C-alpha cells in the first residue's frame, strides 16, 4: 500500500521546505485582498511561513510577501500573523 504524499511548501522567511501542515498560509484572492488563511483552503495565491517569529521578521524585512503577491501587504496582516505565531508558540 502506498503512503499518501505529504504536500511540502517553502517558508517565505527561511526558505526551507516543510510539510504544509506545519506552516501558516497567507492568501491573496482574485479581488487582490490579502488575508490570513488558517484553514489552508481559501482560493487564491498563497505564501507560507513557519510558525516561527524569526521567519516572520526575515520575511517582513526582505519584503518577501510583497514579492510573492506582487503588491503591498497591509500592516494588519503582519500584526495578525504575529498574534497567530505567539498563540501557537
PDB file of N, CA and C in Angstrom:
ATOM      1  N   UNK A   1       0.833  -1.191   0.000  1.00  0.00           N
ATOM      2  CA  UNK A   1       0.000   0.000   0.000  1.00  0.00           C
ATOM      3  C   UNK A   1       0.879   1.257   0.000  1.00  0.00           C
ATOM      4  N   UNK A   2       0.561   2.194  -0.860  1.00  0.00           N
ATOM      5  CA  UNK A   2       1.372   3.401  -0.985  1.00  0.00           C
ATOM      6  C   UNK A   2       0.927   4.454   0.028  1.00  0.00           C
ATOM      7  N   UNK A   3       1.920   5.087   0.664  1.00  0.00           N
ATOM      8  CA  UNK A   3       1.609   6.143   1.611  1.00  0.00           C
ATOM      9  C   UNK A   3       1.232   7.414   0.869  1.00  0.00           C
ATOM     10  N   UNK A   4       0.316   8.176   1.481  1.00  0.00           N
ATOM     11  CA  UNK A   4      -0.094   9.438   0.872  1.00  0.00           C
ATOM     12  C   UNK A   4       1.069  10.430   0.940  1.00  0.00           C
ATOM     13  N   UNK A   5       1.326  11.108  -0.174  1.00  0.00           N
ATOM     14  CA  UNK A   5       2.428  12.061  -0.249  1.00  0.00           C
ATOM     15  C   UNK A   5       2.087  13.298   0.599  1.00  0.00           C
ATOM     16  N   UNK A   6       3.045  13.711   1.408  1.00  0.00           N
ATOM     17  CA  UNK A   6       2.857  14.895   2.251  1.00  0.00           C
ATOM     18  C   UNK A   6       3.157  16.134   1.411  1.00  0.00           C
ATOM     19  N   UNK A   7       2.172  17.058   1.287  1.00  0.00           N
ATOM     20  CA  UNK A   7       2.447  18.271   0.499  1.00  0.00           C
ATOM     21  C   UNK A   7       3.479  19.156   1.203  1.00  0.00           C
ATOM     22  N   UNK A   8       4.515  19.521   0.467  1.00  0.00           N
ATOM     23  CA  UNK A   8       5.580  20.352   1.027  1.00  0.00           C
ATOM     24  C   UNK A   8       5.478  21.772   0.463  1.00  0.00           C
ATOM     25  N   UNK A   9       5.777  22.746   1.305  1.00  0.00           N
ATOM     26  CA  UNK A   9       5.766  24.137   0.876  1.00  0.00           C
ATOM     27  C   UNK A   9       7.004  24.829   1.425  1.00  0.00           C
ATOM     28  N   UNK A  10       7.423  25.892   0.735  1.00  0.00           N
ATOM     29  CA  UNK A  10       8.601  26.623   1.181  1.00  0.00           C
ATOM     30  C   UNK A  10       8.215  27.785   2.097  1.00  0.00           C
ATOM     31  N   UNK A  11       8.938  27.905   3.199  1.00  0.00           N
ATOM     32  CA  UNK A  11       8.708  29.019   4.111  1.00  0.00           C
ATOM     33  C   UNK A  11       9.245  30.295   3.460  1.00  0.00           C
ATOM     34  N   UNK A  12       8.440  31.336   3.476  1.00  0.00           N
ATOM     35  CA  UNK A  12       8.826  32.614   2.882  1.00  0.00           C
ATOM     36  C   UNK A  12       9.961  33.265   3.669  1.00  0.00           C
ATOM     37  N   UNK A  13      10.074  32.927   4.961  1.00  0.00           N
ATOM     38  CA  UNK A  13      11.115  33.515   5.808  1.00  0.00           C
ATOM     39  C   UNK A  13      12.464  32.849   5.654  1.00  0.00           C
ATOM     40  N   UNK A  14      12.533  31.535   5.963  1.00  0.00           N
ATOM     41  CA  UNK A  14      13.833  30.848   5.976  1.00  0.00           C
ATOM     42  C   UNK A  14      14.142  30.111   4.677  1.00  0.00           C
ATOM     43  N   UNK A  15      13.141  29.925   3.824  1.00  0.00           N
ATOM     44  CA  UNK A  15      13.362  29.265   2.543  1.00  0.00           C
ATOM     45  C   UNK A  15      13.443  27.753   2.636  1.00  0.00           C
ATOM     46  N   UNK A  16      13.127  27.180   3.800  1.00  0.00           N
ATOM     47  CA  UNK A  16      13.164  25.728   3.964  1.00  0.00           C
ATOM     48  C   UNK A  16      11.856  25.093   3.531  1.00  0.00           C
ATOM     49  N   UNK A  17      11.970  23.892   2.959  1.00  0.00           N
ATOM     50  CA  UNK A  17      10.776  23.143   2.582  1.00  0.00           C
ATOM     51  C   UNK A  17      10.273  22.406   3.823  1.00  0.00           C
ATOM     52  N   UNK A  18       8.994  22.565   4.118  1.00  0.00           N
ATOM     53  CA  UNK A  18       8.403  21.920   5.288  1.00  0.00           C
ATOM     54  C   UNK A  18       7.020  21.391   4.927  1.00  0.00           C
ATOM     55  N   UNK A  19       6.518  20.409   5.708  1.00  0.00           N
ATOM     56  CA  UNK A  19       5.157  19.931   5.446  1.00  0.00           C
ATOM     57  C   UNK A  19       4.160  21.086   5.572  1.00  0.00           C
ATOM     58  N   UNK A  20       3.214  21.147   4.649  1.00  0.00           N
ATOM     59  CA  UNK A  20       2.223  22.226   4.577  1.00  0.00           C
ATOM     60  C   UNK A  20       1.504  22.448   5.915  1.00  0.00           C
ATOM     61  N   UNK A  21       1.234  21.364   6.628  1.00  0.00           N
ATOM     62  CA  UNK A  21       0.509  21.458   7.897  1.00  0.00           C
ATOM     63  C   UNK A  21       1.274  22.230   8.976  1.00  0.00           C
ATOM     64  N   UNK A  22       2.594  22.292   8.851  1.00  0.00           N
ATOM     65  CA  UNK A  22       3.417  22.986   9.850  1.00  0.00           C
ATOM     66  C   UNK A  22       3.530  24.481   9.581  1.00  0.00           C
ATOM     67  N   UNK A  23       2.984  24.933   8.457  1.00  0.00           N
ATOM     68  CA  UNK A  23       3.130  26.332   8.064  1.00  0.00           C
ATOM     69  C   UNK A  23       1.818  27.101   8.152  1.00  0.00           C
ATOM     70  N   UNK A  24       1.931  28.420   8.234  1.00  0.00           N
ATOM     71  CA  UNK A  24       0.766  29.303   8.213  1.00  0.00           C
ATOM     72  C   UNK A  24       0.677  29.875   6.803  1.00  0.00           C
ATOM     73  N   UNK A  25      -0.543  29.925   6.237  1.00  0.00           N
ATOM     74  CA  UNK A  25      -0.719  30.407   4.863  1.00  0.00           C
ATOM     75  C   UNK A  25      -1.315  31.811   4.851  1.00  0.00           C
ATOM     76  N   UNK A  26      -0.766  32.630   3.991  1.00  0.00           N
ATOM     77  CA  UNK A  26      -1.297  33.967   3.732  1.00  0.00           C
ATOM     78  C   UNK A  26      -1.756  33.914   2.283  1.00  0.00           C
ATOM     79  N   UNK A  27      -2.954  34.426   2.007  1.00  0.00           N
ATOM     80  CA  UNK A  27      -3.506  34.281   0.665  1.00  0.00           C
ATOM     81  C   UNK A  27      -3.952  35.616   0.077  1.00  0.00           C
ATOM     82  N   UNK A  28      -3.774  35.744  -1.238  1.00  0.00           N
ATOM     83  CA  UNK A  28      -4.265  36.914  -1.967  1.00  0.00           C
ATOM     84  C   UNK A  28      -5.329  36.407  -2.926  1.00  0.00           C
ATOM     85  N   UNK A  29      -6.567  36.889  -2.763  1.00  0.00           N
ATOM     86  CA  UNK A  29      -7.661  36.401  -3.608  1.00  0.00           C
ATOM     87  C   UNK A  29      -7.761  37.170  -4.923  1.00  0.00           C
ATOM     88  N   UNK A  30      -8.724  36.785  -5.731  1.00  0.00           N
ATOM     89  CA  UNK A  30      -8.902  37.393  -7.056  1.00  0.00           C
ATOM     90  C   UNK A  30      -9.170  38.897  -6.982  1.00  0.00           C
ATOM     91  N   UNK A  31      -9.762  39.364  -5.873  1.00  0.00           N
ATOM     92  CA  UNK A  31     -10.037  40.795  -5.706  1.00  0.00           C
ATOM     93  C   UNK A  31      -8.807  41.560  -5.230  1.00  0.00           C
ATOM     94  N   UNK A  32      -7.723  40.826  -4.959  1.00  0.00           N
ATOM     95  CA  UNK A  32      -6.498  41.477  -4.514  1.00  0.00           C
ATOM     96  C   UNK A  32      -6.413  41.675  -3.016  1.00  0.00           C
ATOM     97  N   UNK A  33      -7.372  41.094  -2.270  1.00  0.00           N
ATOM     98  CA  UNK A  33      -7.348  41.219  -0.814  1.00  0.00           C
ATOM     99  C   UNK A  33      -6.400  40.174  -0.237  1.00  0.00           C
ATOM    100  N   UNK A  34      -5.588  40.611   0.707  1.00  0.00           N
ATOM    101  CA  UNK A  34      -4.640  39.701   1.346  1.00  0.00           C
ATOM    102  C   UNK A  34      -5.149  39.390   2.744  1.00  0.00           C
ATOM    103  N   UNK A  35      -5.189  38.093   3.076  1.00  0.00           N
ATOM    104  CA  UNK A  35      -5.685  37.700   4.395  1.00  0.00           C
ATOM    105  C   UNK A  35      -4.959  36.471   4.911  1.00  0.00           C
ATOM    106  N   UNK A  36      -5.130  36.217   6.201  1.00  0.00           N
ATOM    107  CA  UNK A  36      -4.556  35.045   6.840  1.00  0.00           C
ATOM    108  C   UNK A  36      -5.471  33.868   6.538  1.00  0.00           C
ATOM    109  N   UNK A  37      -4.893  32.752   6.150  1.00  0.00           N
ATOM    110  CA  UNK A  37      -5.696  31.571   5.821  1.00  0.00           C
ATOM    111  C   UNK A  37      -5.337  30.446   6.779  1.00  0.00           C
ATOM    112  N   UNK A  38      -6.067  30.375   7.902  1.00  0.00           N
ATOM    113  CA  UNK A  38      -5.739  29.364   8.904  1.00  0.00           C
ATOM    114  C   UNK A  38      -6.182  27.957   8.472  1.00  0.00           C
ATOM    115  N   UNK A  39      -7.197  27.876   7.612  1.00  0.00           N
ATOM    116  CA  UNK A  39      -7.672  26.564   7.158  1.00  0.00           C
ATOM    117  C   UNK A  39      -6.804  26.013   6.034  1.00  0.00           C
ATOM    118  N   UNK A  40      -6.139  26.912   5.286  1.00  0.00           N
ATOM    119  CA  UNK A  40      -5.314  26.481   4.156  1.00  0.00           C
ATOM    120  C   UNK A  40      -6.143  26.127   2.938  1.00  0.00           C
ATOM    121  N   UNK A  41      -7.426  26.527   2.943  1.00  0.00           N
ATOM    122  CA  UNK A  41      -8.314  26.141   1.854  1.00  0.00           C
ATOM    123  C   UNK A  41      -8.885  27.312   1.044  1.00  0.00           C
ATOM    124  N   UNK A  42      -8.545  28.536   1.427  1.00  0.00           N
ATOM    125  CA  UNK A  42      -9.074  29.689   0.688  1.00  0.00           C
ATOM    126  C   UNK A  42      -8.508  29.719  -0.728  1.00  0.00           C
ATOM    127  N   UNK A  43      -9.338  30.125  -1.689  1.00  0.00           N
ATOM    128  CA  UNK A  43      -8.831  30.213  -3.065  1.00  0.00           C
ATOM    129  C   UNK A  43      -7.929  31.434  -3.235  1.00  0.00           C
ATOM    130  N   UNK A  44      -6.942  31.304  -4.101  1.00  0.00           N
ATOM    131  CA  UNK A  44      -6.056  32.432  -4.375  1.00  0.00           C
ATOM    132  C   UNK A  44      -4.605  32.036  -4.293  1.00  0.00           C
ATOM    133  N   UNK A  45      -3.741  33.029  -4.477  1.00  0.00           N
ATOM    134  CA  UNK A  45      -2.298  32.829  -4.449  1.00  0.00           C
ATOM    135  C   UNK A  45      -1.849  32.759  -2.999  1.00  0.00           C
ATOM    136  N   UNK A  46      -1.160  31.688  -2.633  1.00  0.00           N
ATOM    137  CA  UNK A  46      -0.747  31.531  -1.246  1.00  0.00           C
ATOM    138  C   UNK A  46       0.750  31.667  -1.055  1.00  0.00           C
ATOM    139  N   UNK A  47       1.135  32.148   0.112  1.00  0.00           N
ATOM    140  CA  UNK A  47       2.531  32.166   0.531  1.00  0.00           C
ATOM    141  C   UNK A  47       2.536  31.593   1.945  1.00  0.00           C
ATOM    142  N   UNK A  48       3.582  30.862   2.275  1.00  0.00           N
ATOM    143  CA  UNK A  48       3.623  30.171   3.554  1.00  0.00           C
ATOM    144  C   UNK A  48       4.755  30.672   4.427  1.00  0.00           C
ATOM    145  N   UNK A  49       4.546  30.539   5.745  1.00  0.00           N
ATOM    146  CA  UNK A  49       5.584  30.934   6.698  1.00  0.00           C
ATOM    147  C   UNK A  49       5.600  29.956   7.869  1.00  0.00           C
ATOM    148  N   UNK A  50       6.811  29.675   8.382  1.00  0.00           N
ATOM    149  CA  UNK A  50       6.953  28.805   9.557  1.00  0.00           C
ATOM    150  C   UNK A  50       6.232  29.444  10.737  1.00  0.00           C
ATOM    151  N   UNK A  51       5.905  28.616  11.724  1.00  0.00           N
ATOM    152  CA  UNK A  51       5.297  29.162  12.940  1.00  0.00           C
ATOM    153  C   UNK A  51       6.414  29.635  13.868  1.00  0.00           C
ATOM    154  N   UNK A  52       7.313  30.412  13.274  1.00  0.00           N
ATOM    155  CA  UNK A  52       8.487  30.898  13.990  1.00  0.00           C
ATOM    156  C   UNK A  52       8.575  32.418  13.805  1.00  0.00           C
ATOM    157  N   UNK A  53       8.506  33.183  14.904  1.00  0.00           N
ATOM    158  CA  UNK A  53       8.563  34.653  14.784  1.00  0.00           C
ATOM    159  C   UNK A  53       9.802  35.166  14.042  1.00  0.00           C
ATOM    160  N   UNK A  54      10.931  34.432  14.131  1.00  0.00           N
ATOM    161  CA  UNK A  54      12.153  34.836  13.426  1.00  0.00           C
ATOM    162  C   UNK A  54      11.940  34.827  11.907  1.00  0.00           C
ATOM    163  N   UNK A  55      11.245  33.798  11.419  1.00  0.00           N
ATOM    164  CA  UNK A  55      10.971  33.703   9.979  1.00  0.00           C
ATOM    165  C   UNK A  55      10.084  34.863   9.530  1.00  0.00           C
ATOM    166  N   UNK A  56       9.128  35.227  10.370  1.00  0.00           N
ATOM    167  CA  UNK A  56       8.241  36.347  10.044  1.00  0.00           C
ATOM    168  C   UNK A  56       9.044  37.640   9.952  1.00  0.00           C
ATOM    169  N   UNK A  57       9.972  37.833  10.888  1.00  0.00           N
ATOM    170  CA  UNK A  57      10.830  39.035  10.863  1.00  0.00           C
ATOM    171  C   UNK A  57      11.633  39.095   9.570  1.00  0.00           C
ATOM    172  N   UNK A  58      12.241  37.962   9.200  1.00  0.00           N
ATOM    173  CA  UNK A  58      13.039  37.898   7.971  1.00  0.00           C
ATOM    174  C   UNK A  58      12.189  38.209   6.752  1.00  0.00           C
ATOM    175  N   UNK A  59      11.009  37.582   6.668  1.00  0.00           N
ATOM    176  CA  UNK A  59      10.121  37.774   5.517  1.00  0.00           C
ATOM    177  C   UNK A  59       9.666  39.229   5.419  1.00  0.00           C
ATOM    178  N   UNK A  60       9.347  39.820   6.565  1.00  0.00           N
ATOM    179  CA  UNK A  60       8.881  41.212   6.578  1.00  0.00           C
ATOM    180  C   UNK A  60      10.006  42.163   6.170  1.00  0.00           C
ATOM    181  N   UNK A  61      11.199  41.944   6.723  1.00  0.00           N
ATOM    182  CA  UNK A  61      12.347  42.805   6.437  1.00  0.00           C
ATOM    183  C   UNK A  61      12.704  42.767   4.953  1.00  0.00           C
ATOM    184  N   UNK A  62      12.687  41.578   4.362  1.00  0.00           N
ATOM    185  CA  UNK A  62      13.072  41.423   2.953  1.00  0.00           C
ATOM    186  C   UNK A  62      11.891  41.626   2.000  1.00  0.00           C
ATOM    187  N   UNK A  63      10.722  41.982   2.556  1.00  0.00           N
ATOM    188  CA  UNK A  63       9.502  42.205   1.758  1.00  0.00           C
ATOM    189  C   UNK A  63       9.178  40.997   0.871  1.00  0.00           C
ATOM    190  N   UNK A  64       9.322  39.811   1.432  1.00  0.00           N
ATOM    191  CA  UNK A  64       9.099  38.590   0.649  1.00  0.00           C
ATOM    192  C   UNK A  64       7.634  38.358   0.300  1.00  0.00           C
ATOM    193  N   UNK A  65       6.711  38.760   1.181  1.00  0.00           N
ATOM    194  CA  UNK A  65       5.285  38.596   0.848  1.00  0.00           C
ATOM    195  C   UNK A  65       4.898  39.547  -0.276  1.00  0.00           C
ATOM    196  N   UNK A  66       5.455  40.766  -0.222  1.00  0.00           N
ATOM    197  CA  UNK A  66       5.185  41.739  -1.282  1.00  0.00           C
ATOM    198  C   UNK A  66       5.634  41.173  -2.628  1.00  0.00           C
ATOM    199  N   UNK A  67       6.793  40.517  -2.632  1.00  0.00           N
ATOM    200  CA  UNK A  67       7.317  39.924  -3.854  1.00  0.00           C
ATOM    201  C   UNK A  67       6.431  38.751  -4.313  1.00  0.00           C
ATOM    202  N   UNK A  68       6.010  37.929  -3.377  1.00  0.00           N
ATOM    203  CA  UNK A  68       5.186  36.755  -3.707  1.00  0.00           C
ATOM    204  C   UNK A  68       3.843  37.171  -4.299  1.00  0.00           C
ATOM    205  N   UNK A  69       3.259  38.236  -3.754  1.00  0.00           N
ATOM    206  CA  UNK A  69       1.934  38.667  -4.214  1.00  0.00           C
ATOM    207  C   UNK A  69       1.980  39.767  -5.256  1.00  0.00           C
ATOM    208  N   UNK A  70       3.123  40.383  -5.431  1.00  0.00           N
ATOM    209  CA  UNK A  70       3.241  41.467  -6.392  1.00  0.00           C
ATOM    210  C   UNK A  70       2.497  42.724  -5.979  1.00  0.00           C
ATOM    211  N   UNK A  71       2.245  42.864  -4.687  1.00  0.00           N
ATOM    212  CA  UNK A  71       1.574  44.065  -4.184  1.00  0.00           C
ATOM    213  C   UNK A  71       1.896  44.266  -2.705  1.00  0.00           C
ATOM    214  N   UNK A  72       1.552  45.432  -2.184  1.00  0.00           N
ATOM    215  CA  UNK A  72       1.834  45.756  -0.788  1.00  0.00           C
ATOM    216  C   UNK A  72       0.990  44.899   0.146  1.00  0.00           C
ATOM    217  N   UNK A  73       1.573  44.558   1.287  1.00  0.00           N
ATOM    218  CA  UNK A  73       0.856  43.768   2.296  1.00  0.00           C
ATOM    219  C   UNK A  73       0.492  44.708   3.443  1.00  0.00           C
ATOM    220  N   UNK A  74      -0.806  44.792   3.795  1.00  0.00           N
ATOM    221  CA  UNK A  74      -1.217  45.684   4.884  1.00  0.00           C
ATOM    222  C   UNK A  74      -0.545  45.324   6.208  1.00  0.00           C
ATOM    223  N   UNK A  75      -0.225  46.331   7.002  1.00  0.00           N
ATOM    224  CA  UNK A  75       0.439  46.133   8.298  1.00  0.00           C
ATOM    225  C   UNK A  75      -0.383  45.211   9.200  1.00  0.00           C
ATOM    226  N   UNK A  76      -1.725  45.277   9.084  1.00  0.00           N
ATOM    227  CA  UNK A  76      -2.589  44.452   9.943  1.00  0.00           C
ATOM    228  C   UNK A  76      -2.375  42.952   9.706  1.00  0.00           C
ATOM    229  N   UNK A  77      -1.965  42.591   8.499  1.00  0.00           N
ATOM    230  CA  UNK A  77      -1.689  41.177   8.189  1.00  0.00           C
ATOM    231  C   UNK A  77      -0.480  40.719   9.017  1.00  0.00           C
ATOM    232  N   UNK A  78       0.555  41.550   9.061  1.00  0.00           N
ATOM    233  CA  UNK A  78       1.734  41.218   9.863  1.00  0.00           C
ATOM    234  C   UNK A  78       1.366  41.136  11.349  1.00  0.00           C
ATOM    235  N   UNK A  79       0.517  42.060  11.797  1.00  0.00           N
ATOM    236  CA  UNK A  79       0.080  42.065  13.194  1.00  0.00           C
ATOM    237  C   UNK A  79      -0.678  40.780  13.515  1.00  0.00           C
ATOM    238  N   UNK A  80      -1.620  40.408  12.625  1.00  0.00           N
ATOM    239  CA  UNK A  80      -2.392  39.174  12.824  1.00  0.00           C
ATOM    240  C   UNK A  80      -1.472  37.956  12.823  1.00  0.00           C
ATOM    241  N   UNK A  81      -0.483  37.952  11.930  1.00  0.00           N
ATOM    242  CA  UNK A  81       0.478  36.845  11.865  1.00  0.00           C
ATOM    243  C   UNK A  81       1.277  36.745  13.165  1.00  0.00           C
ATOM    244  N   UNK A  82       1.728  37.896  13.669  1.00  0.00           N
ATOM    245  CA  UNK A  82       2.492  37.906  14.915  1.00  0.00           C
ATOM    246  C   UNK A  82       1.652  37.336  16.057  1.00  0.00           C
ATOM    247  N   UNK A  83       0.358  37.724  16.098  1.00  0.00           N
ATOM    248  CA  UNK A  83      -0.543  37.215  17.129  1.00  0.00           C
ATOM    249  C   UNK A  83      -0.745  35.714  16.986  1.00  0.00           C
ATOM    250  N   UNK A  84      -0.925  35.266  15.740  1.00  0.00           N
ATOM    251  CA  UNK A  84      -1.125  33.847  15.442  1.00  0.00           C
ATOM    252  C   UNK A  84       0.090  33.019  15.887  1.00  0.00           C
ATOM    253  N   UNK A  85       1.294  33.517  15.574  1.00  0.00           N
ATOM    254  CA  UNK A  85       2.522  32.821  15.940  1.00  0.00           C
ATOM    255  C   UNK A  85       2.720  32.812  17.459  1.00  0.00           C
ATOM    256  N   UNK A  86       2.370  33.908  18.109  1.00  0.00           N
ATOM    257  CA  UNK A  86       2.502  33.986  19.559  1.00  0.00           C
ATOM    258  C   UNK A  86       1.537  32.994  20.234  1.00  0.00           C
ATOM    259  N   UNK A  87       0.346  32.853  19.664  1.00  0.00           N
ATOM    260  CA  UNK A  87      -0.652  31.923  20.216  1.00  0.00           C
ATOM    261  C   UNK A  87      -0.198  30.480  20.054  1.00  0.00           C
ATOM    262  N   UNK A  88       0.440  30.173  18.915  1.00  0.00           N
ATOM    263  CA  UNK A  88       0.923  28.812  18.649  1.00  0.00           C
ATOM    264  C   UNK A  88       2.143  28.467  19.494  1.00  0.00           C
ATOM    265  N   UNK A  89       3.025  29.457  19.648  1.00  0.00           N
ATOM    266  CA  UNK A  89       4.284  29.226  20.327  1.00  0.00           C
ATOM    267  C   UNK A  89       4.068  29.122  21.798  1.00  0.00           C
TER     268      UNK A  89
END
